[in-house]
Amino acid sequence: MNLDNARKNLTSINPDTIAKSLYLIGKFGKLPDLQTVLNFAKNTNTQVRNASVIAASELIRGNLITHFHELEPKIRQKLGTIMETLDPPVIDDIVKDLYCDDNDRRVRAIQILGLLKRNPKIRELLANLVQDRNEKIRATAVNLLGRIVGPEDQELVLSLLNDKDKRVRANTVEALEAVGNKKLVPILLRFRKDPNNRIRGNVLKTLFTLGFTDIEDDVLSMLQNADNFMRASGLWVVSKIKIISSKIEDVAGFYILSDNEMVYNNAHNALKTLDTPRSRGYLRYLDKVPVAQP
């Protein structure tokens, strides 16, 4: 049966013929076929009704994957709304595209997820996508995260920030910084004392980037920690956001004498970033490789 015959066979009185025709249209049809397919969604025959739902979902997903950027945003969102209304196992089908070998197809699959933002399975998918090896995939996942974050979506962000995998949590904070949504500040403030050095450092850097600059005491708390990883991460934060403070400069200057290579390197970078008379003095007189006189 070809596509033209499938369209003609929708007038059949045989439910099996109609169902098979709907499946074929769902797989190979065009968006103009959608309304015709949806007309069977309230059919009294269960086989026809189920075939209509599956076909409509497949028709929408297939055309979004293939023609996503050609469709107007309003049309894309309307199609996503229809998919959610039908409530077929659409996420399971999209997952197949998320992890295929075609990266362009994977990106479009993530974009389709953005049209289905109320689906609870997206939480788990995002947790994986924000740490994908492919930079474009990660960036697209970040953009999706930014679009869906709102007062009613905070549980999604919190679930990622409370993930049992520390890498997921740290990567999520980095993603939220790239999003640049200042509504996230109240959420991030809950994690400013996180016991993991990388997560805490990312949180403070992100808070500062989003406009919450009252983090001096938090940075000092990291710098004065007994753990070298926490100290190094605190120094890393200073090197990234250039928070000017004599107390921070003094602690960073003290660590320029550290025997721990990681702490020393980050202290060196922090003082170079600060680039104040005080920080230059520490580098000139205490650094292992003294800075030349200007």
Protein backbone atom coordinates (compact mmCIF):
# COMPACT_ATOMS: atom_id res chain seq x y z
CA MET A 1 0.00 0.00 0.00
CA ASN A 2 1.42 3.39 -0.98
CA LEU A 3 0.65 6.73 0.63
CA ASP A 4 -1.99 7.75 -1.92
CA ASN A 5 -3.82 4.46 -1.51
CA ALA A 6 -3.63 4.80 2.27
CA ARG A 7 -5.36 8.17 2.08
CA LYS A 8 -8.10 6.73 -0.14
CA ASN A 9 -8.54 3.70 2.12
CA LEU A 10 -9.54 5.90 5.03
CA THR A 11 -13.05 5.81 3.59
CA SER A 12 -13.16 2.04 4.02
CA ILE A 13 -15.70 0.42 6.33
CA ASN A 14 -13.08 -2.12 7.41
CA PRO A 15 -11.44 -1.06 10.71
CA ASP A 16 -8.30 -3.09 9.99
CA THR A 17 -7.85 -1.37 6.62
CA ILE A 18 -8.33 2.06 8.19
CA ALA A 19 -5.88 1.30 11.02
CA LYS A 20 -3.18 0.08 8.61
CA SER A 21 -3.72 3.16 6.45
CA LEU A 22 -3.39 5.44 9.48
CA TYR A 23 -0.13 3.78 10.52
CA LEU A 24 1.31 4.30 7.03
CA ILE A 25 0.20 7.95 6.91
CA GLY A 26 1.72 8.49 10.35
CA LYS A 27 5.04 7.18 9.12
CA PHE A 28 5.23 8.80 5.68
CA GLY A 29 2.56 11.50 5.59
CA LYS A 30 2.74 15.28 5.60
CA LEU A 31 1.40 17.81 8.10
CA PRO A 32 -1.70 18.53 5.92
CA ASP A 33 -2.67 14.92 6.68
CA LEU A 34 -2.78 15.62 10.41
CA GLN A 35 -6.35 16.89 10.65
CA THR A 36 -7.63 13.90 8.71
CA VAL A 37 -5.75 11.54 11.02
CA LEU A 38 -7.06 13.33 14.11
CA ASN A 39 -10.63 12.96 12.88
CA PHE A 40 -10.35 9.27 13.74
CA ALA A 41 -9.19 9.90 17.31
CA LYS A 42 -12.80 9.74 18.57
CA ASN A 43 -13.80 6.77 16.45
CA THR A 44 -15.99 4.24 18.22
CA ASN A 45 -13.67 1.42 17.12
CA THR A 46 -10.80 0.98 19.59
CA GLN A 47 -8.37 -0.27 16.93
CA VAL A 48 -9.01 2.75 14.71
CA ARG A 49 -8.92 5.16 17.64
CA ASN A 50 -5.55 3.84 18.90
CA ALA A 51 -4.13 3.86 15.39
CA SER A 52 -5.19 7.48 14.98
CA VAL A 53 -3.43 8.56 18.18
CA ILE A 54 -0.22 6.73 17.33
CA ALA A 55 -0.27 7.96 13.73
CA ALA A 56 -0.87 11.58 14.73
CA SER A 57 2.00 11.45 17.21
CA GLU A 58 4.33 9.86 14.68
CA LEU A 59 3.29 12.30 11.98
CA ILE A 60 4.00 15.30 14.21
CA ARG A 61 7.28 13.95 15.57
CA GLY A 62 8.58 12.96 12.14
CA ASN A 63 7.79 16.33 10.59
CA LEU A 64 9.22 18.24 13.54
CA ILE A 65 12.45 16.24 13.33
CA THR A 66 12.73 16.84 9.58
CA HIS A 67 11.37 20.37 9.25
CA PHE A 68 11.75 21.94 12.72
CA HIS A 69 13.42 25.17 11.57
CA GLU A 70 11.10 25.56 8.60
CA LEU A 71 8.02 25.71 10.82
CA GLU A 72 6.90 28.91 12.51
CA PRO A 73 7.30 28.88 16.32
CA LYS A 74 3.52 29.09 16.83
CA ILE A 75 3.02 26.07 14.60
CA ARG A 76 5.73 24.11 16.44
CA GLN A 77 4.18 24.87 19.82
CA LYS A 78 0.70 23.96 18.58
CA LEU A 79 2.00 20.62 17.35
CA GLY A 80 3.67 20.01 20.69
CA THR A 81 0.42 20.80 22.49
CA ILE A 82 -1.43 18.31 20.30
CA MET A 83 1.16 15.63 21.11
CA GLU A 84 0.72 16.23 24.83
CA THR A 85 -3.08 16.13 24.46
CA LEU A 86 -2.91 12.78 22.68
CA ASP A 87 -0.48 11.55 25.33
CA PRO A 88 1.03 8.68 23.35
CA PRO A 89 4.42 7.23 24.40
CA VAL A 90 5.99 10.12 22.52
CA ILE A 91 8.97 10.56 24.84
CA ASP A 92 10.03 6.97 24.24
CA ASP A 93 10.08 7.65 20.51
CA ILE A 94 11.99 10.90 20.92
CA VAL A 95 14.60 9.15 23.07
CA LYS A 96 15.46 7.01 20.05
CA ASP A 97 16.33 10.21 18.20
CA LEU A 98 18.17 11.67 21.20
CA TYR A 99 20.71 8.88 21.14
CA CYS A 100 21.04 8.20 17.43
CA ASP A 101 24.29 8.72 15.49
CA ASP A 102 23.08 11.87 13.69
CA ASN A 103 23.92 14.86 15.90
CA ASP A 104 21.68 17.24 13.93
CA ARG A 105 18.77 14.88 14.48
CA ARG A 106 19.67 14.68 18.17
CA VAL A 107 19.58 18.49 18.46
CA ARG A 108 16.15 18.65 16.84
CA ALA A 109 14.93 15.93 19.19
CA ILE A 110 16.00 18.06 22.17
CA GLN A 111 14.18 21.02 20.65
CA ILE A 112 11.04 18.89 20.43
CA LEU A 113 11.41 18.14 24.13
CA GLY A 114 11.04 21.87 24.69
CA LEU A 115 7.54 21.62 23.24
CA LEU A 116 6.69 18.90 25.77
CA LYS A 117 8.08 20.58 28.85
CA ARG A 118 5.33 19.30 31.17
CA ASN A 119 6.26 15.67 30.63
CA PRO A 120 7.84 14.34 33.86
CA LYS A 121 10.36 12.22 31.95
CA ILE A 122 12.13 15.34 30.69
CA ARG A 123 13.74 15.73 34.13
CA GLU A 124 15.70 12.50 33.73
CA LEU A 125 16.62 13.25 30.12
CA LEU A 126 17.96 16.70 30.97
CA ALA A 127 20.10 15.26 33.75
CA ASN A 128 21.87 13.19 31.10
CA LEU A 129 21.93 15.77 28.31
CA VAL A 130 23.64 18.49 30.35
CA GLN A 131 26.69 16.24 30.61
CA ASP A 132 26.70 14.91 27.05
CA ARG A 133 30.09 14.74 25.35
CA ASN A 134 28.85 16.71 22.36
CA GLU A 135 29.10 20.45 23.00
CA LYS A 136 26.18 21.29 20.72
CA ILE A 137 23.97 18.80 22.51
CA ARG A 138 24.92 20.28 25.88
CA ALA A 139 24.29 23.81 24.65
CA THR A 140 20.88 22.89 23.25
CA ALA A 141 19.97 21.17 26.52
CA VAL A 142 21.01 24.31 28.39
CA ASN A 143 18.79 26.47 26.22
CA LEU A 144 15.91 24.09 26.81
CA LEU A 145 16.50 24.27 30.54
CA GLY A 146 16.47 28.06 30.36
CA ARG A 147 13.18 28.17 28.47
CA ILE A 148 11.31 25.91 30.83
CA VAL A 149 12.52 27.46 34.07
CA GLY A 150 9.77 29.44 35.75
CA PRO A 151 7.98 29.62 39.10
CA GLU A 152 6.08 26.45 38.24
CA ASP A 153 9.17 24.63 36.99
CA GLN A 154 11.48 25.06 39.96
CA GLU A 155 11.07 21.43 40.97
CA LEU A 156 12.80 20.45 37.74
CA VAL A 157 15.84 22.58 38.54
CA LEU A 158 15.90 21.42 42.14
CA SER A 159 15.77 17.79 41.08
CA LEU A 160 18.87 18.28 38.93
CA LEU A 161 20.67 20.21 41.65
CA ASN A 162 19.87 17.44 44.12
CA ASP A 163 20.93 14.65 41.78
CA LYS A 164 22.96 11.92 43.45
CA ASP A 165 25.66 12.29 40.78
CA LYS A 166 27.93 15.20 41.70
CA ARG A 167 28.89 15.70 38.06
CA VAL A 168 25.27 16.19 37.06
CA ARG A 169 24.80 18.74 39.83
CA ALA A 170 27.96 20.66 38.93
CA ASN A 171 27.16 20.59 35.21
CA THR A 172 23.64 21.79 35.90
CA VAL A 173 24.94 24.84 37.75
CA GLU A 174 27.22 25.63 34.81
CA ALA A 175 24.23 25.27 32.51
CA LEU A 176 22.15 27.63 34.63
CA GLU A 177 24.88 30.26 34.47
CA ALA A 178 24.84 30.10 30.68
CA VAL A 179 21.05 30.48 30.72
CA GLY A 180 21.38 33.81 32.56
CA ASN A 181 17.95 33.67 34.21
CA LYS A 182 18.01 35.84 37.35
CA LYS A 183 14.92 34.05 38.66
CA LEU A 184 17.27 31.20 39.52
CA VAL A 185 19.11 33.16 42.22
CA PRO A 186 16.79 32.13 45.10
CA ILE A 187 17.20 28.49 44.09
CA LEU A 188 20.99 28.70 43.82
CA LEU A 189 21.31 30.42 47.20
CA ARG A 190 20.28 27.12 48.79
CA PHE A 191 23.47 25.53 47.47
CA ARG A 192 26.05 28.18 48.38
CA LYS A 193 27.32 25.90 51.22
CA ASP A 194 27.31 22.68 49.23
CA PRO A 195 29.90 20.22 50.61
CA ASN A 196 31.25 19.49 47.14
CA ASN A 197 33.98 21.97 46.16
CA ARG A 198 33.18 22.07 42.46
CA ILE A 199 29.46 22.55 43.00
CA ARG A 200 29.97 25.26 45.60
CA GLY A 201 32.44 27.07 43.37
CA ASN A 202 30.10 26.90 40.38
CA VAL A 203 27.20 28.16 42.48
CA LEU A 204 29.11 31.20 43.74
CA LYS A 205 30.40 32.03 40.27
CA THR A 206 26.90 31.70 38.83
CA LEU A 207 25.33 33.82 41.56
CA PHE A 208 27.87 36.57 40.89
CA THR A 209 27.26 36.35 37.14
CA LEU A 210 23.50 36.62 37.69
CA GLY A 211 23.94 39.82 39.70
CA PHE A 212 24.05 38.52 43.28
CA THR A 213 27.45 39.89 44.30
CA ASP A 214 27.26 39.47 48.08
CA ILE A 215 29.46 36.39 48.12
CA GLU A 216 32.69 37.59 49.79
CA ASP A 217 32.05 35.67 53.02
CA ASP A 218 31.18 32.54 51.06
CA VAL A 219 34.39 32.76 49.05
CA LEU A 220 36.41 33.34 52.22
CA SER A 221 34.75 30.30 53.77
CA MET A 222 36.02 28.21 50.88
CA LEU A 223 39.49 29.72 51.03
CA GLN A 224 39.79 29.09 54.76
CA ASN A 225 38.62 25.50 54.52
CA ALA A 226 41.07 22.78 55.63
CA ASP A 227 40.53 20.85 52.40
CA ASN A 228 42.89 21.72 49.56
CA PHE A 229 40.25 20.97 46.92
CA MET A 230 37.88 23.46 48.55
CA ARG A 231 40.67 26.05 48.79
CA ALA A 232 41.60 25.55 45.15
CA SER A 233 38.01 25.89 44.02
CA GLY A 234 37.61 29.09 46.04
CA LEU A 235 40.69 30.51 44.36
CA TRP A 236 39.30 29.41 41.01
CA VAL A 237 36.14 31.42 41.71
CA VAL A 238 38.26 34.51 42.45
CA SER A 239 40.16 34.04 39.20
CA LYS A 240 36.90 33.90 37.25
CA ILE A 241 34.86 36.76 38.71
CA LYS A 242 37.53 39.15 40.01
CA ILE A 243 35.94 39.91 43.37
CA ILE A 244 38.05 42.70 44.87
CA SER A 245 38.58 42.33 48.62
CA SER A 246 41.65 42.91 50.77
CA LYS A 247 40.75 39.84 52.85
CA ILE A 248 40.55 37.65 49.77
CA GLU A 249 43.77 39.13 48.42
CA ASP A 250 45.56 38.35 51.68
CA VAL A 251 44.39 34.74 51.73
CA ALA A 252 45.29 34.28 48.08
CA GLY A 253 48.67 35.84 48.80
CA PHE A 254 49.23 33.39 51.65
CA TYR A 255 48.49 30.44 49.35
CA ILE A 256 51.12 31.57 46.88
CA LEU A 257 53.44 29.83 49.36
CA SER A 258 51.44 26.59 49.36
CA ASP A 259 53.22 23.31 48.73
CA ASN A 260 50.07 21.99 47.08
CA GLU A 261 50.50 22.52 43.35
CA MET A 262 46.78 22.86 42.67
CA VAL A 263 46.31 25.48 45.39
CA TYR A 264 49.46 27.34 44.34
CA ASN A 265 48.47 27.47 40.67
CA ASN A 266 44.99 28.74 41.45
CA ALA A 267 46.34 31.31 43.90
CA HIS A 268 48.74 32.54 41.22
CA ASN A 269 45.88 32.84 38.70
CA ALA A 270 43.62 34.55 41.22
CA LEU A 271 46.20 37.21 42.07
CA LYS A 272 46.92 37.81 38.40
CA THR A 273 43.20 38.26 37.74
CA LEU A 274 42.75 40.69 40.64
CA ASP A 275 45.66 42.77 39.35
CA THR A 276 45.65 45.30 42.21
CA PRO A 277 48.73 46.85 43.83
CA ARG A 278 48.24 44.45 46.74
CA SER A 279 47.94 41.34 44.58
CA ARG A 280 50.86 42.39 42.39
CA GLY A 281 52.93 42.82 45.54
CA TYR A 282 52.22 39.26 46.62
CA LEU A 283 53.20 37.98 43.21
CA ARG A 284 56.36 40.08 43.11
CA TYR A 285 57.72 39.23 46.54
CA LEU A 286 56.29 35.82 47.45
CA ASP A 287 55.71 33.96 44.21
CA LYS A 288 58.01 31.11 43.30
CA VAL A 289 58.45 32.80 39.94
CA PRO A 290 58.64 36.51 40.84
CA VAL A 291 56.95 38.98 38.53
CA ALA A 292 59.35 41.37 36.84
CA GLN A 293 59.29 45.02 37.84
CA PRO A 294 57.07 47.07 35.52
